N, C-alpha and C. Protein backbone atom coordinates (compact mmCIF):
# COMPACT_ATOMS: atom_id res chain seq x y z
N MET A 1 31.34 22.67 -6.80
CA MET A 1 30.66 22.31 -6.84
C MET A 1 30.52 20.83 -6.24
N ILE A 2 30.54 20.22 -5.13
CA ILE A 2 29.84 18.94 -4.98
C ILE A 2 28.72 17.76 -5.49
N MET A 3 28.82 17.29 -6.20
CA MET A 3 27.91 15.77 -6.35
C MET A 3 27.49 14.84 -5.42
N ASN A 4 26.84 14.85 -5.66
CA ASN A 4 26.52 13.02 -4.88
C ASN A 4 26.90 12.25 -5.85
N LYS A 5 27.22 11.05 -5.74
CA LYS A 5 27.95 10.10 -6.82
C LYS A 5 27.77 8.98 -6.39
N GLN A 6 26.11 8.90 -5.35
CA GLN A 6 26.35 7.45 -4.62
C GLN A 6 25.79 6.98 -5.78
N PRO A 7 25.85 5.50 -6.37
CA PRO A 7 25.17 4.52 -6.37
C PRO A 7 23.32 5.23 -6.73
N ALA A 8 22.35 4.41 -7.97
CA ALA A 8 21.51 4.25 -8.55
C ALA A 8 20.23 3.62 -7.10
N ALA A 9 21.30 2.56 -6.97
CA ALA A 9 20.06 1.49 -6.22
C ALA A 9 20.66 2.49 -4.51
N GLU A 10 20.89 2.89 -3.98
CA GLU A 10 21.53 3.98 -3.17
C GLU A 10 20.83 4.71 -3.10
N THR A 11 20.28 5.02 -3.94
CA THR A 11 19.22 6.00 -5.02
C THR A 11 18.06 6.25 -4.60
N MET A 12 17.53 5.02 -4.84
CA MET A 12 15.71 4.75 -5.01
C MET A 12 15.17 4.43 -4.04
N SER A 13 13.76 4.15 -4.04
CA SER A 13 13.09 3.99 -3.17
C SER A 13 12.76 2.65 -3.16
N PRO A 14 12.41 1.29 -1.97
CA PRO A 14 11.67 0.07 -1.92
C PRO A 14 11.00 -0.19 -3.30
N LEU A 15 10.51 0.35 -3.24
CA LEU A 15 8.82 0.37 -3.95
C LEU A 15 10.07 -0.45 -6.34
N GLU A 16 10.93 1.32 -5.94
CA GLU A 16 11.24 1.03 -7.68
C GLU A 16 11.91 0.61 -7.51
N GLU A 17 13.14 -0.22 -6.58
CA GLU A 17 13.92 -0.46 -6.50
C GLU A 17 13.12 -2.28 -7.15
N LEU A 18 11.74 -2.58 -6.29
CA LEU A 18 11.26 -3.86 -7.15
C LEU A 18 10.95 -4.21 -7.96
N ALA A 19 10.79 -2.55 -8.55
CA ALA A 19 10.51 -2.02 -10.08
C ALA A 19 10.73 -3.03 -11.17
N ARG A 20 11.90 -2.51 -10.39
CA ARG A 20 13.72 -2.35 -11.75
C ARG A 20 13.78 -4.13 -11.39
N ASP A 21 13.59 -4.96 -10.38
CA ASP A 21 13.93 -6.71 -9.39
C ASP A 21 12.96 -6.38 -10.41
N GLN A 22 11.63 -6.72 -10.93
CA GLN A 22 10.58 -7.53 -11.51
C GLN A 22 10.37 -7.30 -12.98
N HIS A 23 11.19 -6.34 -13.29
CA HIS A 23 11.19 -5.26 -14.99
C HIS A 23 10.03 -4.89 -15.34
N ALA A 24 9.06 -4.02 -13.88
CA ALA A 24 7.64 -4.09 -13.93
C ALA A 24 7.92 -2.53 -15.09
N MET A 25 6.97 -2.28 -16.17
CA MET A 25 6.31 -1.63 -16.36
C MET A 25 5.23 -0.92 -16.83
N PRO A 26 5.56 0.35 -17.23
CA PRO A 26 4.51 1.43 -16.91
C PRO A 26 3.25 0.92 -17.63
N VAL A 27 1.64 1.13 -16.99
CA VAL A 27 1.00 1.15 -18.46
C VAL A 27 0.70 1.60 -19.07
N ARG A 28 0.06 1.24 -20.15
CA ARG A 28 0.59 2.61 -21.67
C ARG A 28 -0.87 2.21 -21.82
N ASP A 29 -2.01 1.61 -21.77
CA ASP A 29 -3.17 1.70 -21.65
C ASP A 29 -4.14 0.70 -21.06
N VAL A 30 -4.92 1.00 -20.30
CA VAL A 30 -6.58 1.21 -19.40
C VAL A 30 -6.63 -0.51 -20.10
N ALA A 31 -6.84 -0.95 -21.01
CA ALA A 31 -7.10 -2.10 -21.66
C ALA A 31 -6.39 -3.25 -21.09
N GLU A 32 -5.30 -2.45 -21.09
CA GLU A 32 -4.37 -4.16 -20.87
C GLU A 32 -4.58 -4.69 -19.32
N LEU A 33 -5.44 -4.19 -18.18
CA LEU A 33 -5.27 -4.42 -17.47
C LEU A 33 -6.98 -5.56 -16.92
N ARG A 34 -7.40 -4.81 -18.33
CA ARG A 34 -8.68 -5.81 -17.85
C ARG A 34 -8.70 -7.32 -18.62
N ALA A 35 -9.63 -8.02 -17.25
CA ALA A 35 -9.61 -9.78 -17.56
C ALA A 35 -11.31 -9.46 -17.31
N ASP A 36 -11.45 -11.51 -17.67
CA ASP A 36 -12.42 -11.36 -17.83
C ASP A 36 -12.73 -12.42 -16.35
N VAL A 37 -13.11 -11.98 -15.84
CA VAL A 37 -13.85 -12.81 -14.45
C VAL A 37 -14.65 -12.70 -13.87
N TRP A 38 -16.06 -12.29 -14.47
CA TRP A 38 -17.09 -13.07 -14.46
C TRP A 38 -18.14 -13.43 -15.27
N GLY A 39 -18.61 -14.16 -15.10
CA GLY A 39 -19.67 -14.93 -15.77
C GLY A 39 -20.44 -14.72 -16.39
N SER A 40 -20.66 -13.28 -15.69
CA SER A 40 -22.16 -12.26 -15.79
C SER A 40 -22.12 -11.71 -15.09
N ASP A 41 -22.85 -10.71 -15.71
CA ASP A 41 -22.92 -9.46 -15.02
C ASP A 41 -23.37 -9.35 -14.33
N ASP A 42 -24.40 -11.13 -13.64
CA ASP A 42 -25.21 -11.20 -12.73
C ASP A 42 -24.66 -11.74 -11.68
N GLU A 43 -23.21 -12.13 -11.75
CA GLU A 43 -21.83 -12.64 -11.03
C GLU A 43 -21.77 -11.35 -10.70
N LEU A 44 -21.58 -10.56 -11.20
CA LEU A 44 -20.91 -9.59 -10.57
C LEU A 44 -22.22 -8.07 -9.93
N ASP A 45 -22.91 -8.41 -10.03
CA ASP A 45 -23.63 -7.58 -9.56
C ASP A 45 -23.91 -7.95 -7.81
N GLU A 46 -24.10 -9.61 -8.10
CA GLU A 46 -23.95 -10.55 -6.41
C GLU A 46 -22.92 -10.01 -5.88
N PHE A 47 -21.01 -9.85 -6.40
CA PHE A 47 -20.37 -9.62 -5.39
C PHE A 47 -20.12 -8.63 -5.53
N LEU A 48 -20.80 -7.23 -5.61
CA LEU A 48 -20.98 -6.72 -5.66
C LEU A 48 -21.67 -5.44 -4.17
N ALA A 49 -23.31 -6.06 -4.34
CA ALA A 49 -23.48 -6.47 -3.14
C ALA A 49 -23.39 -7.09 -2.45
N ASP A 50 -23.19 -7.61 -2.39
CA ASP A 50 -22.49 -8.88 -1.21
C ASP A 50 -21.01 -7.14 -0.62
N CYS A 51 -20.61 -7.07 -1.70
CA CYS A 51 -18.65 -6.23 -0.60
C CYS A 51 -20.22 -4.83 -0.22
N ARG A 52 -21.04 -4.63 -0.47
CA ARG A 52 -21.90 -3.29 -0.68
C ARG A 52 -22.39 -3.80 1.28
N ALA A 53 -22.77 -4.84 1.19
CA ALA A 53 -23.82 -5.41 2.55
C ALA A 53 -22.73 -5.17 3.78
N SER A 54 -21.54 -5.98 3.33
CA SER A 54 -20.02 -6.22 4.28
C SER A 54 -19.98 -5.08 4.70
N ARG A 55 -19.14 -4.12 3.41
CA ARG A 55 -19.65 -2.64 4.00
C ARG A 55 -20.04 -1.66 4.90
N ASP A 56 -21.16 -1.84 4.84
CA ASP A 56 -22.06 -1.27 5.52
C ASP A 56 -21.92 -1.96 7.20
N THR A 57 -21.68 -3.36 6.52
CA THR A 57 -22.34 -3.46 8.39
C THR A 57 -20.86 -3.08 9.93
N SER A 58 -19.85 -3.27 8.91
CA SER A 58 -19.02 -3.03 9.08
C SER A 58 -18.83 -1.53 9.73
N LEU A 59 -19.08 -0.67 8.89
CA LEU A 59 -19.69 0.56 9.53
C LEU A 59 -20.25 0.69 10.07
N SER A 60 -21.41 0.28 10.72
CA SER A 60 -22.55 0.18 12.20
C SER A 60 -21.92 -0.50 13.15
């Protein structure tokens, strides 16, 4: 039986190589992704309304 002995870098996808080069680690807990971007719920609501309006405009 002949085994493929290519170096690991040659068998990795570009995305896998990028993750390796940047020492990326899997997210273990969704809470790690949390960020306080909005000052209030009203700001978030305004942003979402604007996104919906923009999407609806592009669909018509």
